[in-house]
Amino acid sequence: MPTLVDTSDHPARDQADLWRHLISSAFGPFHVQPRLPGGFAARLSGRALGPVEAGDVHAPAHAVRRSALQIARDTRECYKLGLVLRGSCVLRQNGRRAVVGAGDVVFYDLTRPVEISFDAHHIFTVVIPHSAVPLPRERLAAFGGTLLGGRARTGRLVSSFLGALAESGAEDDERGAAGPAAGSGTAADPLGGAGDEIYAHHLGGALVELVTGAAGEWLGAPASPSPEGAEMLRAIEEWIEARLHDPSLSPAAIAAAHHISVRQLYRVFAPTGTTVARYVRTRRLEHCRRELGDPFLGTQRIGAIANRWGLPDAAAFSRAFRAAYGQTPSDYRARTTGIRRDG
């Protein structure tokens, strides 16, 4: 796993400030307060797995806090999981307090205030865009600050999968140390080898499915729509999926095609926890993300991919993609495939 930064390579007086800058750049604005004066020797390695950003963190004792004001300045909408490999932390979010020890996985939401107090630790983290998890955000917001393994059987699968990814990253570091200089890789070479990076987005997709299952098990089943409403919702979703390429697709056009009012259309989508417009945008962006993460489509221009999925305005597409996934389309493609092709 390529090393993004190692503060021990810098003067002790600059280490804490460098770490503050790194954490805010990687995960959004945070207050960072070291527990002890002096140097702050810490290291972050990272790689991209499709929609997921994975990180391996070694750091001394410190506290972090993300306030409502900082959240308001950040356009990224993401969930974060942390698997503690060594040490411990205490995380507070949504009025709950989670004591996280070695082997535990904690889930929290970066769009909600959070406070974390760390002992000296080694933690494997993953950041997942909200749009990648097909669960109502309003319900999932209540999940933040929860230990996955303690509340859901599928949480143990998440823990095992994260552990395997962390172990794989450690093996990459060992191979790098035996050959090229450790940390000499780049974020565009996420798995340390041209063969492996082709499949990285599949690993990320598998992790998203496991997290969705664990969160869904913890949340329980939502209120079910009537059989007629569920059947209409499926029919409308299938109809939309076949027409995502049409830039004129709108709630009014969808409602007219199904001989219902726009108000009725919104009622049909109400049990999903999203609006029809957001659903259309999310499906379009998800198709674009999948194609941008496919190295076999690396010769296609970004604008052509967006246009194919009904997003012809390049500037609007770039803004929407960055808001959903925390990076530009070109940066996402480069990080997931190693291919840099703009336009």
C-alpha atoms as a PDB file:
ATOM      1  CA  MET A   1       0.000   0.000   0.000  1.00  0.00           C
ATOM      2  CA  PRO A   2       1.677   3.263  -1.089  1.00  0.00           C
ATOM      3  CA  THR A   3       2.706   5.622   1.702  1.00  0.00           C
ATOM      4  CA  LEU A   4       1.026   9.003   1.281  1.00  0.00           C
ATOM      5  CA  VAL A   5       2.941  10.683   4.094  1.00  0.00           C
ATOM      6  CA  ASP A   6       5.251   9.792   6.971  1.00  0.00           C
ATOM      7  CA  THR A   7       5.639  12.731   9.349  1.00  0.00           C
ATOM      8  CA  SER A   8       8.782  11.231  10.871  1.00  0.00           C
ATOM      9  CA  ASP A   9      10.559  12.332   7.680  1.00  0.00           C
ATOM     10  CA  HIS A  10       9.985  15.960   8.753  1.00  0.00           C
ATOM     11  CA  PRO A  11      11.277  18.087  11.654  1.00  0.00           C
ATOM     12  CA  ALA A  12       9.499  17.346  14.944  1.00  0.00           C
ATOM     13  CA  ARG A  13       8.175  20.911  15.210  1.00  0.00           C
ATOM     14  CA  ASP A  14       6.316  20.531  11.880  1.00  0.00           C
ATOM     15  CA  GLN A  15       4.902  17.033  12.353  1.00  0.00           C
ATOM     16  CA  ALA A  16       1.606  17.861  14.081  1.00  0.00           C
ATOM     17  CA  ASP A  17       0.723  20.618  11.596  1.00  0.00           C
ATOM     18  CA  LEU A  18       1.543  18.316   8.678  1.00  0.00           C
ATOM     19  CA  TRP A  19      -0.749  15.652  10.112  1.00  0.00           C
ATOM     20  CA  ARG A  20      -3.580  18.173  10.571  1.00  0.00           C
ATOM     21  CA  HIS A  21      -3.254  19.182   6.928  1.00  0.00           C
ATOM     22  CA  LEU A  22      -3.132  15.571   5.760  1.00  0.00           C
ATOM     23  CA  ILE A  23      -6.179  14.458   7.726  1.00  0.00           C
ATOM     24  CA  SER A  24      -8.226  17.439   6.571  1.00  0.00           C
ATOM     25  CA  SER A  25      -7.211  16.825   2.949  1.00  0.00           C
ATOM     26  CA  ALA A  26      -7.985  13.105   3.085  1.00  0.00           C
ATOM     27  CA  PHE A  27     -11.163  13.047   5.167  1.00  0.00           C
ATOM     28  CA  GLY A  28     -12.439  16.634   5.258  1.00  0.00           C
ATOM     29  CA  PRO A  29     -11.881  19.390   7.847  1.00  0.00           C
ATOM     30  CA  PHE A  30     -11.043  18.174  11.372  1.00  0.00           C
ATOM     31  CA  HIS A  31      -9.678  19.700  14.549  1.00  0.00           C
ATOM     32  CA  VAL A  32      -6.632  17.622  15.550  1.00  0.00           C
ATOM     33  CA  GLN A  33      -5.104  17.898  19.035  1.00  0.00           C
ATOM     34  CA  PRO A  34      -2.031  15.805  19.984  1.00  0.00           C
ATOM     35  CA  ARG A  35      -2.187  14.510  23.532  1.00  0.00           C
ATOM     36  CA  LEU A  36       1.515  15.143  24.257  1.00  0.00           C
ATOM     37  CA  PRO A  37       3.785  18.068  23.320  1.00  0.00           C
ATOM     38  CA  GLY A  38       6.731  17.618  20.980  1.00  0.00           C
ATOM     39  CA  GLY A  39       6.926  15.547  17.826  1.00  0.00           C
ATOM     40  CA  PHE A  40       4.041  13.685  16.211  1.00  0.00           C
ATOM     41  CA  ALA A  41       5.454  10.716  14.270  1.00  0.00           C
ATOM     42  CA  ALA A  42       2.573   9.275  12.211  1.00  0.00           C
ATOM     43  CA  ARG A  43       2.100   7.539   8.890  1.00  0.00           C
ATOM     44  CA  LEU A  44      -0.794   7.192   6.432  1.00  0.00           C
ATOM     45  CA  SER A  45      -0.814   4.792   3.491  1.00  0.00           C
ATOM     46  CA  GLY A  46      -3.726   4.597   1.082  1.00  0.00           C
ATOM     47  CA  ARG A  47      -5.246   3.009  -1.978  1.00  0.00           C
ATOM     48  CA  ALA A  48      -8.444   3.296  -3.991  1.00  0.00           C
ATOM     49  CA  LEU A  49     -10.837   0.353  -4.328  1.00  0.00           C
ATOM     50  CA  GLY A  50     -13.460   1.513  -6.792  1.00  0.00           C
ATOM     51  CA  PRO A  51     -15.813   3.809  -4.844  1.00  0.00           C
ATOM     52  CA  VAL A  52     -13.962   3.102  -1.596  1.00  0.00           C
ATOM     53  CA  GLU A  53     -10.859   4.899  -0.290  1.00  0.00           C
ATOM     54  CA  ALA A  54      -8.826   2.669   2.023  1.00  0.00           C
ATOM     55  CA  GLY A  55      -6.196   3.945   4.467  1.00  0.00           C
ATOM     56  CA  ASP A  56      -3.723   2.421   6.909  1.00  0.00           C
ATOM     57  CA  VAL A  57      -2.985   4.762   9.823  1.00  0.00           C
ATOM     58  CA  HIS A  58      -0.238   4.623  12.470  1.00  0.00           C
ATOM     59  CA  ALA A  59      -0.361   7.540  14.922  1.00  0.00           C
ATOM     60  CA  PRO A  60       0.371   8.489  18.542  1.00  0.00           C
ATOM     61  CA  ALA A  61      -2.304   9.490  21.045  1.00  0.00           C
ATOM     62  CA  HIS A  62      -4.448  12.449  19.965  1.00  0.00           C
ATOM     63  CA  ALA A  63      -8.030  13.681  19.694  1.00  0.00           C
ATOM     64  CA  VAL A  64      -9.986  14.755  16.628  1.00  0.00           C
ATOM     65  CA  ARG A  65     -13.248  16.640  16.332  1.00  0.00           C
ATOM     66  CA  ARG A  66     -15.437  17.484  13.340  1.00  0.00           C
ATOM     67  CA  SER A  67     -17.893  20.276  14.009  1.00  0.00           C
ATOM     68  CA  ALA A  68     -21.107  21.281  12.269  1.00  0.00           C
ATOM     69  CA  LEU A  69     -19.341  24.384  10.917  1.00  0.00           C
ATOM     70  CA  GLN A  70     -16.568  22.289   9.371  1.00  0.00           C
ATOM     71  CA  ILE A  71     -19.118  19.908   7.866  1.00  0.00           C
ATOM     72  CA  ALA A  72     -20.932  22.841   6.269  1.00  0.00           C
ATOM     73  CA  ARG A  73     -17.701  23.810   4.465  1.00  0.00           C
ATOM     74  CA  ASP A  74     -17.203  20.315   3.016  1.00  0.00           C
ATOM     75  CA  THR A  75     -19.077  19.077  -0.072  1.00  0.00           C
ATOM     76  CA  ARG A  76     -18.181  15.423   0.437  1.00  0.00           C
ATOM     77  CA  GLU A  77     -20.905  13.109   1.769  1.00  0.00           C
ATOM     78  CA  CYS A  78     -19.306   9.935   3.086  1.00  0.00           C
ATOM     79  CA  TYR A  79     -19.438   7.203   5.699  1.00  0.00           C
ATOM     80  CA  LYS A  80     -16.279   5.981   7.368  1.00  0.00           C
ATOM     81  CA  LEU A  81     -15.336   2.683   9.002  1.00  0.00           C
ATOM     82  CA  GLY A  82     -12.348   2.028  11.205  1.00  0.00           C
ATOM     83  CA  LEU A  83     -10.917  -1.407  12.068  1.00  0.00           C
ATOM     84  CA  VAL A  84      -8.643  -1.078  15.101  1.00  0.00           C
ATOM     85  CA  LEU A  85      -5.599  -3.314  14.661  1.00  0.00           C
ATOM     86  CA  ARG A  86      -3.681  -1.999  17.670  1.00  0.00           C
ATOM     87  CA  GLY A  87      -4.565   0.405  20.481  1.00  0.00           C
ATOM     88  CA  SER A  88      -8.042   1.810  21.092  1.00  0.00           C
ATOM     89  CA  CYS A  89     -10.246   4.871  20.747  1.00  0.00           C
ATOM     90  CA  VAL A  90     -13.468   6.332  22.099  1.00  0.00           C
ATOM     91  CA  LEU A  91     -15.875   7.703  19.478  1.00  0.00           C
ATOM     92  CA  ARG A  92     -18.892   9.906  20.148  1.00  0.00           C
ATOM     93  CA  GLN A  93     -21.612  10.518  17.575  1.00  0.00           C
ATOM     94  CA  ASN A  94     -25.411  10.724  17.626  1.00  0.00           C
ATOM     95  CA  GLY A  95     -25.402  10.891  21.401  1.00  0.00           C
ATOM     96  CA  ARG A  96     -23.767   7.482  21.774  1.00  0.00           C
ATOM     97  CA  ARG A  97     -20.306   6.575  23.021  1.00  0.00           C
ATOM     98  CA  ALA A  98     -18.457   3.677  21.401  1.00  0.00           C
ATOM     99  CA  VAL A  99     -15.344   2.196  23.063  1.00  0.00           C
ATOM    100  CA  VAL A 100     -13.409   0.645  20.191  1.00  0.00           C
ATOM    101  CA  GLY A 101     -10.687  -1.913  20.900  1.00  0.00           C
ATOM    102  CA  ALA A 102      -8.442  -4.147  18.814  1.00  0.00           C
ATOM    103  CA  GLY A 103     -10.542  -6.175  16.372  1.00  0.00           C
ATOM    104  CA  ASP A 104     -13.559  -3.855  16.558  1.00  0.00           C
ATOM    105  CA  VAL A 105     -15.054  -2.024  13.573  1.00  0.00           C
ATOM    106  CA  VAL A 106     -16.806   1.299  14.181  1.00  0.00           C
ATOM    107  CA  PHE A 107     -19.082   3.050  11.689  1.00  0.00           C
ATOM    108  CA  TYR A 108     -19.630   6.801  11.567  1.00  0.00           C
ATOM    109  CA  ASP A 109     -20.955   9.490   9.256  1.00  0.00           C
ATOM    110  CA  LEU A 110     -18.683  12.332   8.122  1.00  0.00           C
ATOM    111  CA  THR A 111     -21.694  14.599   7.538  1.00  0.00           C
ATOM    112  CA  ARG A 112     -22.538  14.580  11.263  1.00  0.00           C
ATOM    113  CA  PRO A 113     -20.482  15.992  14.170  1.00  0.00           C
ATOM    114  CA  VAL A 114     -18.085  13.457  15.668  1.00  0.00           C
ATOM    115  CA  GLU A 115     -15.417  13.367  18.371  1.00  0.00           C
ATOM    116  CA  ILE A 116     -12.724  10.674  18.670  1.00  0.00           C
ATOM    117  CA  SER A 117     -10.062  10.245  21.345  1.00  0.00           C
ATOM    118  CA  PHE A 118      -7.248   7.924  20.250  1.00  0.00           C
ATOM    119  CA  ASP A 119      -4.565   6.112  22.191  1.00  0.00           C
ATOM    120  CA  ALA A 120      -1.427   5.309  20.204  1.00  0.00           C
ATOM    121  CA  HIS A 121      -2.876   3.149  17.467  1.00  0.00           C
ATOM    122  CA  HIS A 122      -2.816   1.312  14.168  1.00  0.00           C
ATOM    123  CA  ILE A 123      -6.178   1.537  12.359  1.00  0.00           C
ATOM    124  CA  PHE A 124      -7.349   0.441   8.916  1.00  0.00           C
ATOM    125  CA  THR A 125      -9.995   2.819   7.570  1.00  0.00           C
ATOM    126  CA  VAL A 126     -12.336   2.946   4.599  1.00  0.00           C
ATOM    127  CA  VAL A 127     -14.364   5.906   3.322  1.00  0.00           C
ATOM    128  CA  ILE A 128     -17.545   5.125   1.349  1.00  0.00           C
ATOM    129  CA  PRO A 129     -19.656   7.750  -0.452  1.00  0.00           C
ATOM    130  CA  HIS A 130     -23.260   8.014   0.714  1.00  0.00           C
ATOM    131  CA  SER A 131     -24.405   7.464  -2.853  1.00  0.00           C
ATOM    132  CA  ALA A 132     -22.755   4.025  -2.976  1.00  0.00           C
ATOM    133  CA  VAL A 133     -24.890   2.644  -0.114  1.00  0.00           C
ATOM    134  CA  PRO A 134     -28.482   1.980  -1.264  1.00  0.00           C
ATOM    135  CA  LEU A 135     -30.116   2.642   2.097  1.00  0.00           C
ATOM    136  CA  PRO A 136     -32.168   5.712   3.106  1.00  0.00           C
ATOM    137  CA  ARG A 137     -29.766   8.336   4.416  1.00  0.00           C
ATOM    138  CA  GLU A 138     -32.304   9.533   6.964  1.00  0.00           C
ATOM    139  CA  ARG A 139     -32.361   6.088   8.601  1.00  0.00           C
ATOM    140  CA  LEU A 140     -28.658   5.386   8.193  1.00  0.00           C
ATOM    141  CA  ALA A 141     -27.795   8.682   9.901  1.00  0.00           C
ATOM    142  CA  ALA A 142     -28.875   7.066  13.182  1.00  0.00           C
ATOM    143  CA  PHE A 143     -26.318   4.286  12.642  1.00  0.00           C
ATOM    144  CA  GLY A 144     -23.268   6.536  13.201  1.00  0.00           C
ATOM    145  CA  GLY A 145     -21.202   5.719  16.269  1.00  0.00           C
ATOM    146  CA  THR A 146     -22.048   2.012  16.230  1.00  0.00           C
ATOM    147  CA  LEU A 147     -19.774  -1.034  16.507  1.00  0.00           C
ATOM    148  CA  LEU A 148     -20.624  -3.218  13.537  1.00  0.00           C
ATOM    149  CA  GLY A 149     -19.650  -6.599  14.920  1.00  0.00           C
ATOM    150  CA  GLY A 150     -21.577  -6.120  18.127  1.00  0.00           C
ATOM    151  CA  ARG A 151     -24.993  -5.533  16.538  1.00  0.00           C
ATOM    152  CA  ALA A 152     -25.122  -7.528  13.294  1.00  0.00           C
ATOM    153  CA  ARG A 153     -23.995 -10.975  12.208  1.00  0.00           C
ATOM    154  CA  THR A 154     -22.872  -9.540   8.882  1.00  0.00           C
ATOM    155  CA  GLY A 155     -20.737  -7.061  10.843  1.00  0.00           C
ATOM    156  CA  ARG A 156     -18.330  -9.919  11.568  1.00  0.00           C
ATOM    157  CA  LEU A 157     -17.985 -10.475   7.827  1.00  0.00           C
ATOM    158  CA  VAL A 158     -17.128  -6.781   7.404  1.00  0.00           C
ATOM    159  CA  SER A 159     -14.469  -7.101  10.111  1.00  0.00           C
ATOM    160  CA  SER A 160     -12.966 -10.192   8.463  1.00  0.00           C
ATOM    161  CA  PHE A 161     -12.937  -8.556   5.034  1.00  0.00           C
ATOM    162  CA  LEU A 162     -11.310  -5.379   6.344  1.00  0.00           C
ATOM    163  CA  GLY A 163      -8.737  -7.496   8.176  1.00  0.00           C
ATOM    164  CA  ALA A 164      -7.878  -9.296   4.941  1.00  0.00           C
ATOM    165  CA  LEU A 165      -7.515  -5.980   3.090  1.00  0.00           C
ATOM    166  CA  ALA A 166      -5.273  -4.632   5.860  1.00  0.00           C
ATOM    167  CA  GLU A 167      -3.133  -7.767   5.733  1.00  0.00           C
ATOM    168  CA  SER A 168      -2.890  -7.494   1.951  1.00  0.00           C
ATOM    169  CA  GLY A 169      -1.695  -3.896   2.300  1.00  0.00           C
ATOM    170  CA  ALA A 170       0.942  -4.966   4.836  1.00  0.00           C
ATOM    171  CA  GLU A 171       2.184  -7.645   2.423  1.00  0.00           C
ATOM    172  CA  ASP A 172       2.421  -5.026  -0.326  1.00  0.00           C
ATOM    173  CA  ASP A 173       4.578  -2.899   1.987  1.00  0.00           C
ATOM    174  CA  GLU A 174       6.880  -5.861   2.682  1.00  0.00           C
ATOM    175  CA  ARG A 175       7.252  -6.616  -1.019  1.00  0.00           C
ATOM    176  CA  GLY A 176       7.944  -2.944  -1.694  1.00  0.00           C
ATOM    177  CA  ALA A 177      10.626  -2.865   0.994  1.00  0.00           C
ATOM    178  CA  ALA A 178      12.312  -5.902  -0.554  1.00  0.00           C
ATOM    179  CA  GLY A 179      12.323  -4.344  -4.025  1.00  0.00           C
ATOM    180  CA  PRO A 180      11.685  -0.653  -4.806  1.00  0.00           C
ATOM    181  CA  ALA A 181      11.830   1.788  -1.907  1.00  0.00           C
ATOM    182  CA  ALA A 182       8.896   1.420   0.459  1.00  0.00           C
ATOM    183  CA  GLY A 183       6.250   4.030  -0.225  1.00  0.00           C
ATOM    184  CA  SER A 184       7.521   4.644  -3.743  1.00  0.00           C
ATOM    185  CA  GLY A 185       4.149   3.774  -5.265  1.00  0.00           C
ATOM    186  CA  THR A 186       1.535   6.337  -6.170  1.00  0.00           C
ATOM    187  CA  ALA A 187      -2.138   6.649  -5.436  1.00  0.00           C
ATOM    188  CA  ALA A 188      -2.757   5.859  -9.100  1.00  0.00           C
ATOM    189  CA  ASP A 189      -1.159   2.426  -8.535  1.00  0.00           C
ATOM    190  CA  PRO A 190      -3.444   1.419  -5.674  1.00  0.00           C
ATOM    191  CA  LEU A 191      -2.604  -2.252  -5.282  1.00  0.00           C
ATOM    192  CA  GLY A 192       1.085  -2.056  -6.104  1.00  0.00           C
ATOM    193  CA  GLY A 193       0.837  -3.992  -9.365  1.00  0.00           C
ATOM    194  CA  ALA A 194      -0.601  -3.411 -12.813  1.00  0.00           C
ATOM    195  CA  GLY A 195      -2.370  -6.785 -12.774  1.00  0.00           C
ATOM    196  CA  ASP A 196      -4.061  -6.301  -9.410  1.00  0.00           C
ATOM    197  CA  GLU A 197      -5.309  -2.759  -9.982  1.00  0.00           C
ATOM    198  CA  ILE A 198      -7.685  -3.985 -12.717  1.00  0.00           C
ATOM    199  CA  TYR A 199      -9.720  -5.781 -10.062  1.00  0.00           C
ATOM    200  CA  ALA A 200      -9.551  -3.169  -7.297  1.00  0.00           C
ATOM    201  CA  HIS A 201     -13.004  -1.750  -8.020  1.00  0.00           C
ATOM    202  CA  HIS A 202     -14.523  -5.223  -7.546  1.00  0.00           C
ATOM    203  CA  LEU A 203     -13.031  -5.403  -4.037  1.00  0.00           C
ATOM    204  CA  GLY A 204     -14.546  -2.014  -3.248  1.00  0.00           C
ATOM    205  CA  GLY A 205     -17.909  -3.113  -4.594  1.00  0.00           C
ATOM    206  CA  ALA A 206     -17.826  -6.253  -2.444  1.00  0.00           C
ATOM    207  CA  LEU A 207     -17.044  -4.170   0.644  1.00  0.00           C
ATOM    208  CA  VAL A 208     -19.936  -1.803  -0.080  1.00  0.00           C
ATOM    209  CA  GLU A 209     -22.289  -4.792  -0.359  1.00  0.00           C
ATOM    210  CA  LEU A 210     -21.098  -6.171   3.004  1.00  0.00           C
ATOM    211  CA  VAL A 211     -21.442  -2.801   4.723  1.00  0.00           C
ATOM    212  CA  THR A 212     -24.916  -2.350   3.236  1.00  0.00           C
ATOM    213  CA  GLY A 213     -25.911  -5.772   4.544  1.00  0.00           C
ATOM    214  CA  ALA A 214     -24.538  -5.078   8.032  1.00  0.00           C
ATOM    215  CA  ALA A 215     -26.205  -1.662   8.233  1.00  0.00           C
ATOM    216  CA  GLY A 216     -29.471  -3.039   6.879  1.00  0.00           C
ATOM    217  CA  GLU A 217     -29.443  -5.842   9.457  1.00  0.00           C
ATOM    218  CA  TRP A 218     -28.816  -3.373  12.261  1.00  0.00           C
ATOM    219  CA  LEU A 219     -31.508  -0.963  11.082  1.00  0.00           C
ATOM    220  CA  GLY A 220     -34.122  -3.636  10.502  1.00  0.00           C
ATOM    221  CA  ALA A 221     -36.697  -3.666   7.763  1.00  0.00           C
ATOM    222  CA  PRO A 222     -38.271  -0.304   6.862  1.00  0.00           C
ATOM    223  CA  ALA A 223     -41.992   0.135   6.651  1.00  0.00           C
ATOM    224  CA  SER A 224     -43.134  -1.856   3.640  1.00  0.00           C
ATOM    225  CA  PRO A 225     -45.154  -0.174   0.895  1.00  0.00           C
ATOM    226  CA  SER A 226     -48.402  -1.700  -0.226  1.00  0.00           C
ATOM    227  CA  PRO A 227     -48.073  -4.541  -2.776  1.00  0.00           C
ATOM    228  CA  GLU A 228     -49.467  -2.235  -5.458  1.00  0.00           C
ATOM    229  CA  GLY A 229     -47.021   0.538  -4.520  1.00  0.00           C
ATOM    230  CA  ALA A 230     -44.060  -1.863  -4.460  1.00  0.00           C
ATOM    231  CA  GLU A 231     -44.998  -3.227  -7.883  1.00  0.00           C
ATOM    232  CA  MET A 232     -45.320   0.287  -9.322  1.00  0.00           C
ATOM    233  CA  LEU A 233     -41.984   1.312  -7.793  1.00  0.00           C
ATOM    234  CA  ARG A 234     -40.215  -1.656  -9.412  1.00  0.00           C
ATOM    235  CA  ALA A 235     -41.825  -0.907 -12.751  1.00  0.00           C
ATOM    236  CA  ILE A 236     -40.857   2.774 -12.605  1.00  0.00           C
ATOM    237  CA  GLU A 237     -37.274   1.976 -11.556  1.00  0.00           C
ATOM    238  CA  GLU A 238     -36.923  -0.431 -14.495  1.00  0.00           C
ATOM    239  CA  TRP A 239     -38.391   2.177 -16.843  1.00  0.00           C
ATOM    240  CA  ILE A 240     -35.963   4.810 -15.554  1.00  0.00           C
ATOM    241  CA  GLU A 241     -32.978   2.455 -15.839  1.00  0.00           C
ATOM    242  CA  ALA A 242     -33.696   1.903 -19.525  1.00  0.00           C
ATOM    243  CA  ARG A 243     -33.818   5.676 -20.159  1.00  0.00           C
ATOM    244  CA  LEU A 244     -30.973   7.085 -18.068  1.00  0.00           C
ATOM    245  CA  HIS A 245     -29.260   8.110 -21.306  1.00  0.00           C
ATOM    246  CA  ASP A 246     -32.026  10.655 -22.000  1.00  0.00           C
ATOM    247  CA  PRO A 247     -31.008  14.110 -20.647  1.00  0.00           C
ATOM    248  CA  SER A 248     -34.671  15.201 -20.646  1.00  0.00           C
ATOM    249  CA  LEU A 249     -35.642  12.518 -18.113  1.00  0.00           C
ATOM    250  CA  SER A 250     -37.458  14.382 -15.324  1.00  0.00           C
ATOM    251  CA  PRO A 251     -40.041  13.699 -12.616  1.00  0.00           C
ATOM    252  CA  ALA A 252     -42.711  15.258 -14.827  1.00  0.00           C
ATOM    253  CA  ALA A 253     -41.775  13.043 -17.795  1.00  0.00           C
ATOM    254  CA  ILE A 254     -41.664   9.932 -15.606  1.00  0.00           C
ATOM    255  CA  ALA A 255     -45.034  10.690 -14.046  1.00  0.00           C
ATOM    256  CA  ALA A 256     -46.643  11.369 -17.437  1.00  0.00           C
ATOM    257  CA  ALA A 257     -45.296   8.109 -18.868  1.00  0.00           C
ATOM    258  CA  HIS A 258     -46.959   6.207 -16.021  1.00  0.00           C
ATOM    259  CA  HIS A 259     -50.222   8.190 -16.075  1.00  0.00           C
ATOM    260  CA  ILE A 260     -49.841   9.537 -12.545  1.00  0.00           C
ATOM    261  CA  SER A 261     -49.259  12.996 -11.117  1.00  0.00           C
ATOM    262  CA  VAL A 262     -45.837  14.182  -9.952  1.00  0.00           C
ATOM    263  CA  ARG A 263     -47.203  14.221  -6.395  1.00  0.00           C
ATOM    264  CA  GLN A 264     -48.221  10.553  -6.731  1.00  0.00           C
ATOM    265  CA  LEU A 265     -44.757   9.766  -8.123  1.00  0.00           C
ATOM    266  CA  TYR A 266     -43.120  11.247  -5.031  1.00  0.00           C
ATOM    267  CA  ARG A 267     -45.423   9.154  -2.832  1.00  0.00           C
ATOM    268  CA  VAL A 268     -44.349   6.001  -4.699  1.00  0.00           C
ATOM    269  CA  PHE A 269     -40.698   6.793  -3.930  1.00  0.00           C
ATOM    270  CA  ALA A 270     -41.297   7.857  -0.320  1.00  0.00           C
ATOM    271  CA  PRO A 271     -40.594   4.372   1.202  1.00  0.00           C
ATOM    272  CA  THR A 272     -37.116   4.382  -0.402  1.00  0.00           C
ATOM    273  CA  GLY A 273     -36.069   7.437   1.626  1.00  0.00           C
ATOM    274  CA  THR A 274     -35.094   9.417  -1.475  1.00  0.00           C
ATOM    275  CA  THR A 275     -36.725  11.537  -4.161  1.00  0.00           C
ATOM    276  CA  VAL A 276     -37.153  10.473  -7.748  1.00  0.00           C
ATOM    277  CA  ALA A 277     -34.779  13.210  -8.983  1.00  0.00           C
ATOM    278  CA  ARG A 278     -32.082  12.124  -6.543  1.00  0.00           C
ATOM    279  CA  TYR A 279     -32.637   8.500  -7.554  1.00  0.00           C
ATOM    280  CA  VAL A 280     -32.114   9.336 -11.243  1.00  0.00           C
ATOM    281  CA  ARG A 281     -28.988  11.387 -10.485  1.00  0.00           C
ATOM    282  CA  THR A 282     -27.536   8.665  -8.253  1.00  0.00           C
ATOM    283  CA  ARG A 283     -28.097   5.930 -10.841  1.00  0.00           C
ATOM    284  CA  ARG A 284     -26.483   8.037 -13.567  1.00  0.00           C
ATOM    285  CA  LEU A 285     -23.470   8.865 -11.421  1.00  0.00           C
ATOM    286  CA  GLU A 286     -23.091   5.258 -10.337  1.00  0.00           C
ATOM    287  CA  HIS A 287     -22.986   4.067 -13.952  1.00  0.00           C
ATOM    288  CA  CYS A 288     -20.397   6.745 -14.730  1.00  0.00           C
ATOM    289  CA  ARG A 289     -18.344   5.762 -11.690  1.00  0.00           C
ATOM    290  CA  ARG A 290     -18.348   2.101 -12.697  1.00  0.00           C
ATOM    291  CA  GLU A 291     -17.200   2.915 -16.229  1.00  0.00           C
ATOM    292  CA  LEU A 292     -14.528   5.353 -15.054  1.00  0.00           C
ATOM    293  CA  GLY A 293     -13.204   2.600 -12.759  1.00  0.00           C
ATOM    294  CA  ASP A 294     -13.042   0.063 -15.589  1.00  0.00           C
ATOM    295  CA  PRO A 295      -9.523   0.027 -17.107  1.00  0.00           C
ATOM    296  CA  PHE A 296     -10.896  -1.603 -20.258  1.00  0.00           C
ATOM    297  CA  LEU A 297     -12.794   1.637 -20.944  1.00  0.00           C
ATOM    298  CA  GLY A 298      -9.719   3.782 -20.337  1.00  0.00           C
ATOM    299  CA  THR A 299      -9.564   5.021 -23.929  1.00  0.00           C
ATOM    300  CA  GLN A 300     -13.000   6.623 -23.685  1.00  0.00           C
ATOM    301  CA  ARG A 301     -13.204  10.298 -22.856  1.00  0.00           C
ATOM    302  CA  ILE A 302     -14.842  11.270 -19.572  1.00  0.00           C
ATOM    303  CA  GLY A 303     -17.275  13.566 -21.386  1.00  0.00           C
ATOM    304  CA  ALA A 304     -18.396  10.705 -23.621  1.00  0.00           C
ATOM    305  CA  ILE A 305     -19.091   8.484 -20.613  1.00  0.00           C
ATOM    306  CA  ALA A 306     -21.089  11.205 -18.855  1.00  0.00           C
ATOM    307  CA  ASN A 307     -23.035  11.991 -22.023  1.00  0.00           C
ATOM    308  CA  ARG A 308     -23.862   8.315 -22.499  1.00  0.00           C
ATOM    309  CA  TRP A 309     -25.609   8.356 -19.108  1.00  0.00           C
ATOM    310  CA  GLY A 310     -27.650  11.500 -19.666  1.00  0.00           C
ATOM    311  CA  LEU A 311     -25.208  14.052 -18.194  1.00  0.00           C
ATOM    312  CA  PRO A 312     -24.109  16.203 -21.162  1.00  0.00           C
ATOM    313  CA  ASP A 313     -23.099  19.297 -19.133  1.00  0.00           C
ATOM    314  CA  ALA A 314     -19.432  18.610 -18.334  1.00  0.00           C
ATOM    315  CA  ALA A 315     -19.151  21.219 -15.569  1.00  0.00           C
ATOM    316  CA  ALA A 316     -22.385  20.120 -13.866  1.00  0.00           C
ATOM    317  CA  PHE A 317     -21.310  16.464 -14.112  1.00  0.00           C
ATOM    318  CA  SER A 318     -17.927  17.204 -12.552  1.00  0.00           C
ATOM    319  CA  ARG A 319     -19.544  19.102  -9.650  1.00  0.00           C
ATOM    320  CA  ALA A 320     -22.099  16.343  -9.033  1.00  0.00           C
ATOM    321  CA  PHE A 321     -19.461  13.608  -9.206  1.00  0.00           C
ATOM    322  CA  ARG A 322     -17.186  15.446  -6.792  1.00  0.00           C
ATOM    323  CA  ALA A 323     -20.065  16.034  -4.363  1.00  0.00           C
ATOM    324  CA  ALA A 324     -20.991  12.334  -4.486  1.00  0.00           C
ATOM    325  CA  TYR A 325     -17.528  10.742  -4.398  1.00  0.00           C
ATOM    326  CA  GLY A 326     -15.209  13.403  -2.988  1.00  0.00           C
ATOM    327  CA  GLN A 327     -12.987  13.756  -6.070  1.00  0.00           C
ATOM    328  CA  THR A 328     -13.172  14.813  -9.693  1.00  0.00           C
ATOM    329  CA  PRO A 329     -13.971  12.248 -12.401  1.00  0.00           C
ATOM    330  CA  SER A 330     -10.416  12.441 -13.790  1.00  0.00           C
ATOM    331  CA  ASP A 331      -8.866  12.024 -10.341  1.00  0.00           C
ATOM    332  CA  TYR A 332     -11.160   9.079  -9.626  1.00  0.00           C
ATOM    333  CA  ARG A 333     -10.169   7.375 -12.878  1.00  0.00           C
ATOM    334  CA  ALA A 334      -6.479   7.978 -12.199  1.00  0.00           C
ATOM    335  CA  ARG A 335      -6.683   6.618  -8.657  1.00  0.00           C
ATOM    336  CA  THR A 336      -8.665   3.509  -9.569  1.00  0.00           C
ATOM    337  CA  THR A 337      -7.054   2.558 -12.903  1.00  0.00           C
ATOM    338  CA  GLY A 338      -3.820   4.518 -13.168  1.00  0.00           C
ATOM    339  CA  ILE A 339      -5.159   6.134 -16.355  1.00  0.00           C
ATOM    340  CA  ARG A 340      -5.092   9.907 -16.699  1.00  0.00           C
ATOM    341  CA  ARG A 341      -7.349  11.002 -19.553  1.00  0.00           C
ATOM    342  CA  ASP A 342      -9.251  14.269 -19.192  1.00  0.00           C
ATOM    343  CA  GLY A 343     -12.172  15.559 -21.195  1.00  0.00           C
END
